[in-house]
Amino acid sequence: MRPVPPSPMVDAWQDRPQDDGIVDVDKTQLTEMTARRAADGPDGRQLGAEDISRILDLLFGTMEEAGTIAEALKARETVTLGSFGSFQVSDGDATFRPGVALTEYLRDQTR
């Protein structure tokens, strides 16, 4: 597995107020942080906050419309997002199984 470089987003998380070590990030904050990271990308392509928000809505859905992940799960498909992890249905409930890379990153065990 290739090493995961330090993320500039980590600094953004650390600058946020914390309560009992838990940081809640809402969709607006996630969108803004992702848009800032996309703007710093080496490929020159720009994604604005509106683009990121739309992508999140399409993937995860809104109160009015299911996202593509929910639709796949309803069809009894497993949705795997690389080494991040996978979503699946177990006994009628959606579950998430973290991938190896995510687990290693959270435990500061990246190579």
C-alpha atoms as a PDB file:
ATOM      1  CA  MET A   1       0.000   0.000   0.000  1.00  0.00           C
ATOM      2  CA  ARG A   2       1.394   3.390  -0.882  1.00  0.00           C
ATOM      3  CA  PRO A   3       1.898   5.945   1.881  1.00  0.00           C
ATOM      4  CA  VAL A   4      -0.737   8.576   2.453  1.00  0.00           C
ATOM      5  CA  PRO A   5       0.841  12.047   2.495  1.00  0.00           C
ATOM      6  CA  PRO A   6      -0.159  14.449   5.252  1.00  0.00           C
ATOM      7  CA  SER A   7      -3.320  16.248   4.323  1.00  0.00           C
ATOM      8  CA  PRO A   8      -3.725  20.021   4.464  1.00  0.00           C
ATOM      9  CA  MET A   9      -7.215  19.271   5.739  1.00  0.00           C
ATOM     10  CA  VAL A  10      -5.764  17.951   8.993  1.00  0.00           C
ATOM     11  CA  ASP A  11      -4.772  21.515   9.904  1.00  0.00           C
ATOM     12  CA  ALA A  12      -8.318  22.653   9.200  1.00  0.00           C
ATOM     13  CA  TRP A  13      -9.674  19.996  11.564  1.00  0.00           C
ATOM     14  CA  GLN A  14      -7.202  20.924  14.290  1.00  0.00           C
ATOM     15  CA  ASP A  15      -8.185  24.610  14.161  1.00  0.00           C
ATOM     16  CA  ARG A  16     -11.809  23.826  14.931  1.00  0.00           C
ATOM     17  CA  PRO A  17     -13.241  23.987  18.465  1.00  0.00           C
ATOM     18  CA  GLN A  18     -13.593  20.579  20.026  1.00  0.00           C
ATOM     19  CA  ASP A  19     -15.882  19.222  22.697  1.00  0.00           C
ATOM     20  CA  ASP A  20     -14.631  16.055  24.391  1.00  0.00           C
ATOM     21  CA  GLY A  21     -12.293  15.483  21.452  1.00  0.00           C
ATOM     22  CA  ILE A  22     -15.190  15.027  19.033  1.00  0.00           C
ATOM     23  CA  VAL A  23     -15.483  17.350  16.065  1.00  0.00           C
ATOM     24  CA  ASP A  24     -18.759  17.497  14.163  1.00  0.00           C
ATOM     25  CA  VAL A  25     -18.437  18.560  10.549  1.00  0.00           C
ATOM     26  CA  ASP A  26     -21.612  19.429   8.680  1.00  0.00           C
ATOM     27  CA  LYS A  27     -22.123  19.322   4.919  1.00  0.00           C
ATOM     28  CA  THR A  28     -21.352  23.027   4.467  1.00  0.00           C
ATOM     29  CA  GLN A  29     -18.021  22.721   6.290  1.00  0.00           C
ATOM     30  CA  LEU A  30     -17.104  19.526   4.438  1.00  0.00           C
ATOM     31  CA  THR A  31     -17.987  21.195   1.140  1.00  0.00           C
ATOM     32  CA  GLU A  32     -15.891  24.296   1.886  1.00  0.00           C
ATOM     33  CA  MET A  33     -12.887  22.278   3.070  1.00  0.00           C
ATOM     34  CA  THR A  34     -13.049  20.010   0.014  1.00  0.00           C
ATOM     35  CA  ALA A  35     -13.371  22.991  -2.345  1.00  0.00           C
ATOM     36  CA  ARG A  36     -10.269  24.597  -0.773  1.00  0.00           C
ATOM     37  CA  ARG A  37      -8.351  21.364  -1.225  1.00  0.00           C
ATOM     38  CA  ALA A  38      -9.522  21.035  -4.836  1.00  0.00           C
ATOM     39  CA  ALA A  39      -8.401  24.601  -5.547  1.00  0.00           C
ATOM     40  CA  ASP A  40      -4.885  23.668  -4.395  1.00  0.00           C
ATOM     41  CA  GLY A  41      -4.727  20.642  -6.705  1.00  0.00           C
ATOM     42  CA  PRO A  42      -1.819  20.242  -9.117  1.00  0.00           C
ATOM     43  CA  ASP A  43      -3.945  19.437 -12.173  1.00  0.00           C
ATOM     44  CA  GLY A  44      -5.254  22.980 -12.642  1.00  0.00           C
ATOM     45  CA  ARG A  45      -8.912  21.938 -12.653  1.00  0.00           C
ATOM     46  CA  GLN A  46     -11.139  23.965 -10.403  1.00  0.00           C
ATOM     47  CA  LEU A  47     -14.131  22.681  -8.472  1.00  0.00           C
ATOM     48  CA  GLY A  48     -16.203  25.228  -6.635  1.00  0.00           C
ATOM     49  CA  ALA A  49     -18.188  24.718  -3.455  1.00  0.00           C
ATOM     50  CA  GLU A  50     -21.370  24.459  -5.540  1.00  0.00           C
ATOM     51  CA  ASP A  51     -19.840  21.627  -7.583  1.00  0.00           C
ATOM     52  CA  ILE A  52     -18.746  19.762  -4.461  1.00  0.00           C
ATOM     53  CA  SER A  53     -22.156  20.229  -2.826  1.00  0.00           C
ATOM     54  CA  ARG A  54     -23.917  18.855  -5.902  1.00  0.00           C
ATOM     55  CA  ILE A  55     -21.600  15.837  -6.013  1.00  0.00           C
ATOM     56  CA  LEU A  56     -22.264  15.102  -2.326  1.00  0.00           C
ATOM     57  CA  ASP A  57     -26.022  15.364  -2.933  1.00  0.00           C
ATOM     58  CA  LEU A  58     -25.781  13.006  -5.905  1.00  0.00           C
ATOM     59  CA  LEU A  59     -23.735  10.454  -3.969  1.00  0.00           C
ATOM     60  CA  PHE A  60     -25.372  10.579  -0.552  1.00  0.00           C
ATOM     61  CA  GLY A  61     -28.791  11.981  -1.419  1.00  0.00           C
ATOM     62  CA  THR A  62     -31.036  14.625   0.075  1.00  0.00           C
ATOM     63  CA  MET A  63     -34.269  14.495   2.052  1.00  0.00           C
ATOM     64  CA  GLU A  64     -36.136  14.706  -1.257  1.00  0.00           C
ATOM     65  CA  GLU A  65     -34.127  12.289  -3.397  1.00  0.00           C
ATOM     66  CA  ALA A  66     -31.995   9.219  -2.744  1.00  0.00           C
ATOM     67  CA  GLY A  67     -28.362   9.348  -3.786  1.00  0.00           C
ATOM     68  CA  THR A  68     -26.566   6.811  -5.928  1.00  0.00           C
ATOM     69  CA  ILE A  69     -25.121   5.051  -2.874  1.00  0.00           C
ATOM     70  CA  ALA A  70     -28.600   4.548  -1.363  1.00  0.00           C
ATOM     71  CA  GLU A  71     -29.956   3.355  -4.699  1.00  0.00           C
ATOM     72  CA  ALA A  72     -27.164   0.793  -5.031  1.00  0.00           C
ATOM     73  CA  LEU A  73     -27.700  -0.413  -1.473  1.00  0.00           C
ATOM     74  CA  LYS A  74     -31.435  -0.772  -2.036  1.00  0.00           C
ATOM     75  CA  ALA A  75     -30.583  -2.958  -5.040  1.00  0.00           C
ATOM     76  CA  ARG A  76     -28.517  -5.091  -2.604  1.00  0.00           C
ATOM     77  CA  GLU A  77     -25.222  -4.001  -4.132  1.00  0.00           C
ATOM     78  CA  THR A  78     -22.079  -3.293  -2.128  1.00  0.00           C
ATOM     79  CA  VAL A  79     -20.554   0.121  -2.770  1.00  0.00           C
ATOM     80  CA  THR A  80     -16.758   0.041  -2.442  1.00  0.00           C
ATOM     81  CA  LEU A  81     -14.834   3.304  -2.403  1.00  0.00           C
ATOM     82  CA  GLY A  82     -11.310   2.080  -2.957  1.00  0.00           C
ATOM     83  CA  SER A  83      -9.298   1.675   0.214  1.00  0.00           C
ATOM     84  CA  PHE A  84     -11.630   4.075   2.077  1.00  0.00           C
ATOM     85  CA  GLY A  85     -14.155   1.338   2.736  1.00  0.00           C
ATOM     86  CA  SER A  86     -17.455  -0.090   1.636  1.00  0.00           C
ATOM     87  CA  PHE A  87     -21.151   0.326   2.309  1.00  0.00           C
ATOM     88  CA  GLN A  88     -23.428  -2.693   2.318  1.00  0.00           C
ATOM     89  CA  VAL A  89     -26.806  -3.828   3.607  1.00  0.00           C
ATOM     90  CA  SER A  90     -26.951  -6.217   6.530  1.00  0.00           C
ATOM     91  CA  ASP A  91     -30.311  -7.319   7.958  1.00  0.00           C
ATOM     92  CA  GLY A  92     -32.010  -4.387   6.245  1.00  0.00           C
ATOM     93  CA  ASP A  93     -29.624  -1.768   7.684  1.00  0.00           C
ATOM     94  CA  ALA A  94     -26.887   0.117   5.882  1.00  0.00           C
ATOM     95  CA  THR A  95     -23.453  -0.593   7.311  1.00  0.00           C
ATOM     96  CA  PHE A  96     -19.987   0.772   6.639  1.00  0.00           C
ATOM     97  CA  ARG A  97     -16.819  -1.277   6.734  1.00  0.00           C
ATOM     98  CA  PRO A  98     -13.674   0.870   6.778  1.00  0.00           C
ATOM     99  CA  GLY A  99     -10.906  -0.062   4.401  1.00  0.00           C
ATOM    100  CA  VAL A 100      -7.333  -0.837   5.370  1.00  0.00           C
ATOM    101  CA  ALA A 101      -5.927   2.520   4.253  1.00  0.00           C
ATOM    102  CA  LEU A 102      -8.522   4.482   6.257  1.00  0.00           C
ATOM    103  CA  THR A 103      -7.956   2.366   9.345  1.00  0.00           C
ATOM    104  CA  GLU A 104      -4.169   2.726   9.097  1.00  0.00           C
ATOM    105  CA  TYR A 105      -4.457   6.494   8.566  1.00  0.00           C
ATOM    106  CA  LEU A 106      -6.692   6.916  11.631  1.00  0.00           C
ATOM    107  CA  ARG A 107      -4.248   4.901  13.722  1.00  0.00           C
ATOM    108  CA  ASP A 108      -1.240   6.850  12.388  1.00  0.00           C
ATOM    109  CA  GLN A 109       0.084   3.610  10.910  1.00  0.00           C
ATOM    110  CA  THR A 110       0.498   4.680   7.304  1.00  0.00           C
ATOM    111  CA  ARG A 111       3.631   3.457   5.627  1.00  0.00           C
END
